[in-house]
Each structure stands twice: as structure tokens, then as C-alpha cells.
Amino acid sequence: MLFFEEAEWKALHIFVNKTPLLPDREPTLRDAIRMTASLGGFLGRKGDKEPGTTALWRGLQRLHDITATYRLLVPHLKSGP
């Protein structure tokens, strides 16, 4: 993915969807951004526009902690080069 590391999008998907099952493909950048923003309070209702900077910032802060936990719990995960 362009912006999210493998561990980040996997941890994000697992946490937001409350399931240990990963999708066959990584989410699109738009979907990953909306999931991240949901961690920061973005509701994503039908009439809502795209998430703002505050929701994204808060979501990224939470995602950092969620990813750190994911990396601790999945010892065979490679953190990259």
C-alpha cells in the first residue's frame, strides 16, 4: 500500500472489523483512511463528507498503539527492511 505498512493495515482491519480474519487483498487507500479516521471519531454516515484532519490525526495516534500491540502479538510478522 502507498501509505500504510503491512502491519498497520492488517492491525487496522482486525481492530476496526473486530475479526482476526484478513481480507484477500489489502484495503484501498480511501478505505484505510476512513477506517483510520473512524478511530479518531469519524462516523462515516451517508451524508458525511471525507474525514478531516483532526479525525485523521487522532486516528493515526491510536493506530500507532494498535500496530505496536499487533506486532507484539504476532511474533512472526516481519517489520520490513
Protein backbone atom coordinates (compact mmCIF):
# COMPACT_ATOMS: atom_id res chain seq x y z
CA MET A 1 0.00 0.00 0.00
CA LEU A 2 1.11 3.50 -0.68
CA PHE A 3 0.84 4.95 2.82
CA PHE A 4 0.23 2.16 5.33
CA GLU A 5 2.78 -0.52 6.17
CA GLU A 6 1.64 -4.13 6.05
CA ALA A 7 1.41 -4.40 9.83
CA GLU A 8 -0.57 -1.14 10.01
CA TRP A 9 -3.29 -2.06 7.56
CA LYS A 10 -3.60 -5.57 8.99
CA ALA A 11 -3.86 -4.28 12.56
CA LEU A 12 -6.30 -1.61 11.41
CA HIS A 13 -8.54 -4.11 9.65
CA ILE A 14 -8.53 -6.54 12.57
CA PHE A 15 -9.26 -3.82 15.14
CA VAL A 16 -11.96 -1.93 13.23
CA ASN A 17 -13.79 -5.02 11.97
CA LYS A 18 -13.30 -6.96 15.21
CA THR A 19 -12.26 -10.13 13.43
CA PRO A 20 -8.95 -12.00 13.19
CA LEU A 21 -9.65 -12.81 9.53
CA LEU A 22 -7.83 -10.72 6.98
CA PRO A 23 -9.25 -9.91 3.54
CA ASP A 24 -7.80 -11.47 0.39
CA ARG A 25 -6.49 -8.07 -0.67
CA GLU A 26 -5.37 -5.04 1.26
CA PRO A 27 -7.94 -2.25 1.53
CA THR A 28 -7.89 0.68 -0.85
CA LEU A 29 -6.21 3.84 0.39
CA ARG A 30 -9.62 5.50 0.74
CA ASP A 31 -10.98 2.62 2.83
CA ALA A 32 -7.88 2.57 5.04
CA ILE A 33 -8.09 6.33 5.58
CA ARG A 34 -11.77 6.10 6.51
CA MET A 35 -11.05 3.22 8.92
CA THR A 36 -8.22 5.24 10.48
CA ALA A 37 -10.45 8.30 10.78
CA SER A 38 -13.08 6.16 12.48
CA LEU A 39 -10.55 5.54 15.25
CA GLY A 40 -10.43 9.31 15.67
CA GLY A 41 -14.18 9.81 15.86
CA PHE A 42 -15.23 9.97 12.20
CA LEU A 43 -18.67 8.38 11.85
CA GLY A 44 -18.77 7.91 8.08
CA ARG A 45 -22.53 8.39 7.76
CA LYS A 46 -24.18 8.55 4.36
CA GLY A 47 -24.29 12.36 4.31
CA ASP A 48 -20.81 12.87 5.76
CA LYS A 49 -18.01 14.20 3.60
CA GLU A 50 -14.49 12.81 3.71
CA PRO A 51 -12.78 12.81 7.13
CA GLY A 52 -11.00 15.90 8.35
CA THR A 53 -7.50 16.43 9.67
CA THR A 54 -8.48 16.21 13.35
CA ALA A 55 -10.15 12.80 12.98
CA LEU A 56 -7.23 11.55 10.89
CA TRP A 57 -4.64 12.81 13.37
CA ARG A 58 -6.42 11.21 16.33
CA GLY A 59 -6.90 8.00 14.35
CA LEU A 60 -3.23 7.83 13.39
CA GLN A 61 -2.22 8.24 17.02
CA ARG A 62 -4.46 5.35 18.03
CA LEU A 63 -3.31 3.28 15.04
CA HIS A 64 0.29 3.65 16.20
CA ASP A 65 -0.56 1.96 19.51
CA ILE A 66 -2.76 -0.67 17.88
CA THR A 67 0.02 -1.56 15.43
CA ALA A 68 2.59 -1.81 18.23
CA THR A 69 0.31 -4.26 20.03
CA TYR A 70 -0.26 -6.22 16.82
CA ARG A 71 3.49 -6.54 16.29
CA LEU A 72 3.93 -7.84 19.85
CA LEU A 73 1.17 -10.40 19.46
CA VAL A 74 2.24 -11.64 16.04
CA PRO A 75 5.92 -12.53 16.62
CA HIS A 76 6.44 -13.99 13.14
CA LEU A 77 5.50 -10.71 11.47
CA LYS A 78 8.40 -9.09 9.64
CA SER A 79 8.53 -5.36 10.23
CA GLY A 80 10.12 -4.67 6.87
CA PRO A 81 13.58 -3.92 5.54
